[in-house]
């Protein structure tokens, strides 16, 4: 198994990562929003559409 961040072999202690550094890099991606899980809830879809319509009406 290889580390999803750098591709090196994984270490048992940090699996699925090779080191604490790669585990921390992955955590940082989750915390800053680089990773996201799409929602299929109707209320989320409606808010996304209304947010987009408001931003189009605003002058740049």
PDB file of N, CA and C in Angstrom:
ATOM      1  N   UNK A   1       0.855  -1.175   0.000  1.00  0.00           N
ATOM      2  CA  UNK A   1       0.000   0.000   0.000  1.00  0.00           C
ATOM      3  C   UNK A   1       0.898   1.233   0.000  1.00  0.00           C
ATOM      4  N   UNK A   2       0.518   2.232  -0.784  1.00  0.00           N
ATOM      5  CA  UNK A   2       1.321   3.457  -0.836  1.00  0.00           C
ATOM      6  C   UNK A   2       0.565   4.631  -0.209  1.00  0.00           C
ATOM      7  N   UNK A   3       1.312   5.583   0.265  1.00  0.00           N
ATOM      8  CA  UNK A   3       0.769   6.774   0.908  1.00  0.00           C
ATOM      9  C   UNK A   3      -0.016   7.590  -0.121  1.00  0.00           C
ATOM     10  N   UNK A   4      -1.241   8.008   0.202  1.00  0.00           N
ATOM     11  CA  UNK A   4      -2.028   8.794  -0.756  1.00  0.00           C
ATOM     12  C   UNK A   4      -1.495  10.209  -0.977  1.00  0.00           C
ATOM     13  N   UNK A   5      -0.611  10.688  -0.115  1.00  0.00           N
ATOM     14  CA  UNK A   5      -0.067  12.035  -0.247  1.00  0.00           C
ATOM     15  C   UNK A   5       1.199  12.039  -1.093  1.00  0.00           C
ATOM     16  N   UNK A   6       2.178  11.188  -0.748  1.00  0.00           N
ATOM     17  CA  UNK A   6       3.474  11.245  -1.440  1.00  0.00           C
ATOM     18  C   UNK A   6       3.794  10.002  -2.265  1.00  0.00           C
ATOM     19  N   UNK A   7       3.062   8.915  -2.064  1.00  0.00           N
ATOM     20  CA  UNK A   7       3.293   7.703  -2.838  1.00  0.00           C
ATOM     21  C   UNK A   7       4.312   6.741  -2.248  1.00  0.00           C
ATOM     22  N   UNK A   8       4.956   7.092  -1.131  1.00  0.00           N
ATOM     23  CA  UNK A   8       5.919   6.198  -0.467  1.00  0.00           C
ATOM     24  C   UNK A   8       5.174   5.030   0.185  1.00  0.00           C
ATOM     25  N   UNK A   9       5.928   4.003   0.592  1.00  0.00           N
ATOM     26  CA  UNK A   9       5.338   2.875   1.318  1.00  0.00           C
ATOM     27  C   UNK A   9       4.796   3.366   2.657  1.00  0.00           C
ATOM     28  N   UNK A  10       3.686   2.779   3.092  1.00  0.00           N
ATOM     29  CA  UNK A  10       3.068   3.216   4.344  1.00  0.00           C
ATOM     30  C   UNK A  10       3.802   2.645   5.548  1.00  0.00           C
ATOM     31  N   UNK A  11       3.677   3.331   6.652  1.00  0.00           N
ATOM     32  CA  UNK A  11       4.216   2.863   7.931  1.00  0.00           C
ATOM     33  C   UNK A  11       3.031   2.403   8.775  1.00  0.00           C
ATOM     34  N   UNK A  12       3.197   1.272   9.447  1.00  0.00           N
ATOM     35  CA  UNK A  12       2.105   0.707  10.247  1.00  0.00           C
ATOM     36  C   UNK A  12       1.559   1.726  11.230  1.00  0.00           C
ATOM     37  N   UNK A  13       2.429   2.485  11.839  1.00  0.00           N
ATOM     38  CA  UNK A  13       2.013   3.456  12.864  1.00  0.00           C
ATOM     39  C   UNK A  13       1.115   4.551  12.284  1.00  0.00           C
ATOM     40  N   UNK A  14       1.329   4.950  11.030  1.00  0.00           N
ATOM     41  CA  UNK A  14       0.600   6.076  10.443  1.00  0.00           C
ATOM     42  C   UNK A  14      -0.344   5.657   9.318  1.00  0.00           C
ATOM     43  N   UNK A  15      -0.556   4.374   9.155  1.00  0.00           N
ATOM     44  CA  UNK A  15      -1.356   3.865   8.056  1.00  0.00           C
ATOM     45  C   UNK A  15      -2.667   4.604   7.935  1.00  0.00           C
ATOM     46  N   UNK A  16      -3.089   5.036   6.787  1.00  0.00           N
ATOM     47  CA  UNK A  16      -2.618   4.714   5.442  1.00  0.00           C
ATOM     48  C   UNK A  16      -1.513   5.635   4.940  1.00  0.00           C
ATOM     49  N   UNK A  17      -0.913   6.418   5.817  1.00  0.00           N
ATOM     50  CA  UNK A  17       0.144   7.353   5.425  1.00  0.00           C
ATOM     51  C   UNK A  17       1.513   6.775   5.755  1.00  0.00           C
ATOM     52  N   UNK A  18       2.555   7.428   5.251  1.00  0.00           N
ATOM     53  CA  UNK A  18       3.916   6.959   5.504  1.00  0.00           C
ATOM     54  C   UNK A  18       4.529   7.642   6.721  1.00  0.00           C
ATOM     55  N   UNK A  19       3.987   8.791   7.113  1.00  0.00           N
ATOM     56  CA  UNK A  19       4.574   9.551   8.214  1.00  0.00           C
ATOM     57  C   UNK A  19       3.534  10.473   8.834  1.00  0.00           C
ATOM     58  N   UNK A  20       3.891  11.053   9.965  1.00  0.00           N
ATOM     59  CA  UNK A  20       3.016  12.022  10.618  1.00  0.00           C
ATOM     60  C   UNK A  20       2.842  13.249   9.731  1.00  0.00           C
ATOM     61  N   UNK A  21       3.889  13.624   9.018  1.00  0.00           N
ATOM     62  CA  UNK A  21       3.827  14.781   8.124  1.00  0.00           C
ATOM     63  C   UNK A  21       2.728  14.591   7.071  1.00  0.00           C
ATOM     64  N   UNK A  22       2.702  13.446   6.422  1.00  0.00           N
ATOM     65  CA  UNK A  22       1.689  13.206   5.398  1.00  0.00           C
ATOM     66  C   UNK A  22       0.290  13.131   6.011  1.00  0.00           C
ATOM     67  N   UNK A  23       0.176  12.557   7.206  1.00  0.00           N
ATOM     68  CA  UNK A  23      -1.114  12.530   7.893  1.00  0.00           C
ATOM     69  C   UNK A  23      -1.580  13.948   8.199  1.00  0.00           C
ATOM     70  N   UNK A  24      -0.661  14.807   8.618  1.00  0.00           N
ATOM     71  CA  UNK A  24      -1.005  16.198   8.918  1.00  0.00           C
ATOM     72  C   UNK A  24      -1.367  16.970   7.648  1.00  0.00           C
ATOM     73  N   UNK A  25      -0.694  16.688   6.552  1.00  0.00           N
ATOM     74  CA  UNK A  25      -1.021  17.335   5.279  1.00  0.00           C
ATOM     75  C   UNK A  25      -2.451  16.973   4.882  1.00  0.00           C
ATOM     76  N   UNK A  26      -2.804  15.703   5.030  1.00  0.00           N
ATOM     77  CA  UNK A  26      -4.154  15.255   4.696  1.00  0.00           C
ATOM     78  C   UNK A  26      -5.194  15.922   5.600  1.00  0.00           C
ATOM     79  N   UNK A  27      -4.906  15.993   6.898  1.00  0.00           N
ATOM     80  CA  UNK A  27      -5.819  16.651   7.833  1.00  0.00           C
ATOM     81  C   UNK A  27      -6.000  18.122   7.464  1.00  0.00           C
ATOM     82  N   UNK A  28      -4.931  18.790   7.109  1.00  0.00           N
ATOM     83  CA  UNK A  28      -5.011  20.203   6.720  1.00  0.00           C
ATOM     84  C   UNK A  28      -5.886  20.381   5.482  1.00  0.00           C
ATOM     85  N   UNK A  29      -5.818  19.450   4.544  1.00  0.00           N
ATOM     86  CA  UNK A  29      -6.672  19.538   3.354  1.00  0.00           C
ATOM     87  C   UNK A  29      -8.149  19.441   3.726  1.00  0.00           C
ATOM     88  N   UNK A  30      -8.468  18.574   4.691  1.00  0.00           N
ATOM     89  CA  UNK A  30      -9.855  18.486   5.147  1.00  0.00           C
ATOM     90  C   UNK A  30     -10.275  19.770   5.863  1.00  0.00           C
ATOM     91  N   UNK A  31      -9.405  20.289   6.709  1.00  0.00           N
ATOM     92  CA  UNK A  31      -9.765  21.456   7.510  1.00  0.00           C
ATOM     93  C   UNK A  31      -9.899  22.735   6.690  1.00  0.00           C
ATOM     94  N   UNK A  32      -9.115  22.883   5.623  1.00  0.00           N
ATOM     95  CA  UNK A  32      -9.216  24.116   4.831  1.00  0.00           C
ATOM     96  C   UNK A  32     -10.213  23.997   3.677  1.00  0.00           C
ATOM     97  N   UNK A  33     -10.867  22.841   3.553  1.00  0.00           N
ATOM     98  CA  UNK A  33     -11.915  22.694   2.557  1.00  0.00           C
ATOM     99  C   UNK A  33     -11.449  22.197   1.204  1.00  0.00           C
ATOM    100  N   UNK A  34     -10.214  21.760   1.085  1.00  0.00           N
ATOM    101  CA  UNK A  34      -9.745  21.221  -0.188  1.00  0.00           C
ATOM    102  C   UNK A  34     -10.481  19.937  -0.547  1.00  0.00           C
ATOM    103  N   UNK A  35     -10.823  19.152   0.458  1.00  0.00           N
ATOM    104  CA  UNK A  35     -11.639  17.963   0.273  1.00  0.00           C
ATOM    105  C   UNK A  35     -13.057  18.342   0.672  1.00  0.00           C
ATOM    106  N   UNK A  36     -14.015  17.821  -0.030  1.00  0.00           N
ATOM    107  CA  UNK A  36     -15.398  18.022   0.381  1.00  0.00           C
ATOM    108  C   UNK A  36     -16.231  16.844  -0.091  1.00  0.00           C
ATOM    109  N   UNK A  37     -17.325  16.641   0.581  1.00  0.00           N
ATOM    110  CA  UNK A  37     -18.252  15.581   0.231  1.00  0.00           C
ATOM    111  C   UNK A  37     -19.515  16.259  -0.276  1.00  0.00           C
ATOM    112  N   UNK A  38     -19.903  16.017  -1.525  1.00  0.00           N
ATOM    113  CA  UNK A  38     -21.090  16.678  -2.062  1.00  0.00           C
ATOM    114  C   UNK A  38     -22.361  16.227  -1.345  1.00  0.00           C
ATOM    115  N   UNK A  39     -23.277  17.142  -1.194  1.00  0.00           N
ATOM    116  CA  UNK A  39     -24.546  16.846  -0.539  1.00  0.00           C
ATOM    117  C   UNK A  39     -25.631  16.677  -1.585  1.00  0.00           C
ATOM    118  N   UNK A  40     -26.562  15.782  -1.309  1.00  0.00           N
ATOM    119  CA  UNK A  40     -27.696  15.573  -2.198  1.00  0.00           C
ATOM    120  C   UNK A  40     -29.006  16.051  -1.558  1.00  0.00           C
ATOM    121  N   UNK A  41     -28.909  16.747  -0.408  1.00  0.00           N
ATOM    122  CA  UNK A  41     -30.104  17.247   0.255  1.00  0.00           C
ATOM    123  C   UNK A  41     -30.684  18.399  -0.550  1.00  0.00           C
ATOM    124  N   UNK A  42     -32.003  18.429  -0.692  1.00  0.00           N
ATOM    125  CA  UNK A  42     -32.661  19.458  -1.488  1.00  0.00           C
ATOM    126  C   UNK A  42     -32.392  20.859  -0.948  1.00  0.00           C
ATOM    127  N   UNK A  43     -32.404  21.022   0.367  1.00  0.00           N
ATOM    128  CA  UNK A  43     -32.198  22.358   0.937  1.00  0.00           C
ATOM    129  C   UNK A  43     -30.803  22.893   0.615  1.00  0.00           C
ATOM    130  N   UNK A  44     -29.799  22.012   0.532  1.00  0.00           N
ATOM    131  CA  UNK A  44     -28.459  22.455   0.157  1.00  0.00           C
ATOM    132  C   UNK A  44     -28.418  22.877  -1.305  1.00  0.00           C
ATOM    133  N   UNK A  45     -29.094  22.132  -2.152  1.00  0.00           N
ATOM    134  CA  UNK A  45     -29.117  22.470  -3.573  1.00  0.00           C
ATOM    135  C   UNK A  45     -29.806  23.810  -3.799  1.00  0.00           C
ATOM    136  N   UNK A  46     -30.906  24.066  -3.073  1.00  0.00           N
ATOM    137  CA  UNK A  46     -31.616  25.333  -3.213  1.00  0.00           C
ATOM    138  C   UNK A  46     -30.764  26.508  -2.739  1.00  0.00           C
ATOM    139  N   UNK A  47     -30.033  26.329  -1.645  1.00  0.00           N
ATOM    140  CA  UNK A  47     -29.207  27.426  -1.146  1.00  0.00           C
ATOM    141  C   UNK A  47     -28.052  27.702  -2.100  1.00  0.00           C
ATOM    142  N   UNK A  48     -27.505  26.686  -2.733  1.00  0.00           N
ATOM    143  CA  UNK A  48     -26.434  26.887  -3.709  1.00  0.00           C
ATOM    144  C   UNK A  48     -26.938  27.686  -4.905  1.00  0.00           C
ATOM    145  N   UNK A  49     -28.134  27.395  -5.352  1.00  0.00           N
ATOM    146  CA  UNK A  49     -28.711  28.105  -6.498  1.00  0.00           C
ATOM    147  C   UNK A  49     -29.011  29.554  -6.129  1.00  0.00           C
ATOM    148  N   UNK A  50     -29.588  29.785  -4.948  1.00  0.00           N
ATOM    149  CA  UNK A  50     -29.916  31.155  -4.554  1.00  0.00           C
ATOM    150  C   UNK A  50     -28.655  31.967  -4.295  1.00  0.00           C
ATOM    151  N   UNK A  51     -27.623  31.359  -3.750  1.00  0.00           N
ATOM    152  CA  UNK A  51     -26.355  32.063  -3.545  1.00  0.00           C
ATOM    153  C   UNK A  51     -25.747  32.474  -4.872  1.00  0.00           C
ATOM    154  N   UNK A  52     -25.827  31.628  -5.856  1.00  0.00           N
ATOM    155  CA  UNK A  52     -25.289  31.937  -7.172  1.00  0.00           C
ATOM    156  C   UNK A  52     -26.056  33.058  -7.848  1.00  0.00           C
ATOM    157  N   UNK A  53     -27.369  33.103  -7.666  1.00  0.00           N
ATOM    158  CA  UNK A  53     -28.183  34.148  -8.281  1.00  0.00           C
ATOM    159  C   UNK A  53     -27.870  35.503  -7.654  1.00  0.00           C
ATOM    160  N   UNK A  54     -27.659  35.531  -6.331  1.00  0.00           N
ATOM    161  CA  UNK A  54     -27.330  36.788  -5.665  1.00  0.00           C
ATOM    162  C   UNK A  54     -25.977  37.322  -6.113  1.00  0.00           C
ATOM    163  N   UNK A  55     -25.020  36.436  -6.265  1.00  0.00           N
ATOM    164  CA  UNK A  55     -23.685  36.887  -6.656  1.00  0.00           C
ATOM    165  C   UNK A  55     -23.668  37.419  -8.089  1.00  0.00           C
ATOM    166  N   UNK A  56     -24.580  36.936  -8.934  1.00  0.00           N
ATOM    167  CA  UNK A  56     -24.643  37.420 -10.308  1.00  0.00           C
ATOM    168  C   UNK A  56     -25.259  38.823 -10.367  1.00  0.00           C
ATOM    169  N   UNK A  57     -26.116  39.175  -9.422  1.00  0.00           N
ATOM    170  CA  UNK A  57     -26.760  40.488  -9.419  1.00  0.00           C
ATOM    171  C   UNK A  57     -25.862  41.572  -8.841  1.00  0.00           C
ATOM    172  N   UNK A  58     -24.861  41.207  -8.098  1.00  0.00           N
ATOM    173  CA  UNK A  58     -23.988  42.185  -7.462  1.00  0.00           C
ATOM    174  C   UNK A  58     -23.011  42.766  -8.492  1.00  0.00           C
ATOM    175  N   UNK A  59     -22.796  44.078  -8.442  1.00  0.00           N
ATOM    176  CA  UNK A  59     -21.793  44.651  -9.362  1.00  0.00           C
ATOM    177  C   UNK A  59     -20.381  44.247  -8.944  1.00  0.00           C
ATOM    178  N   UNK A  60     -19.501  44.166  -9.874  1.00  0.00           N
ATOM    179  CA  UNK A  60     -18.129  43.741  -9.588  1.00  0.00           C
ATOM    180  C   UNK A  60     -17.277  44.896  -9.184  1.00  0.00           C
TER     181      UNK A  60
END
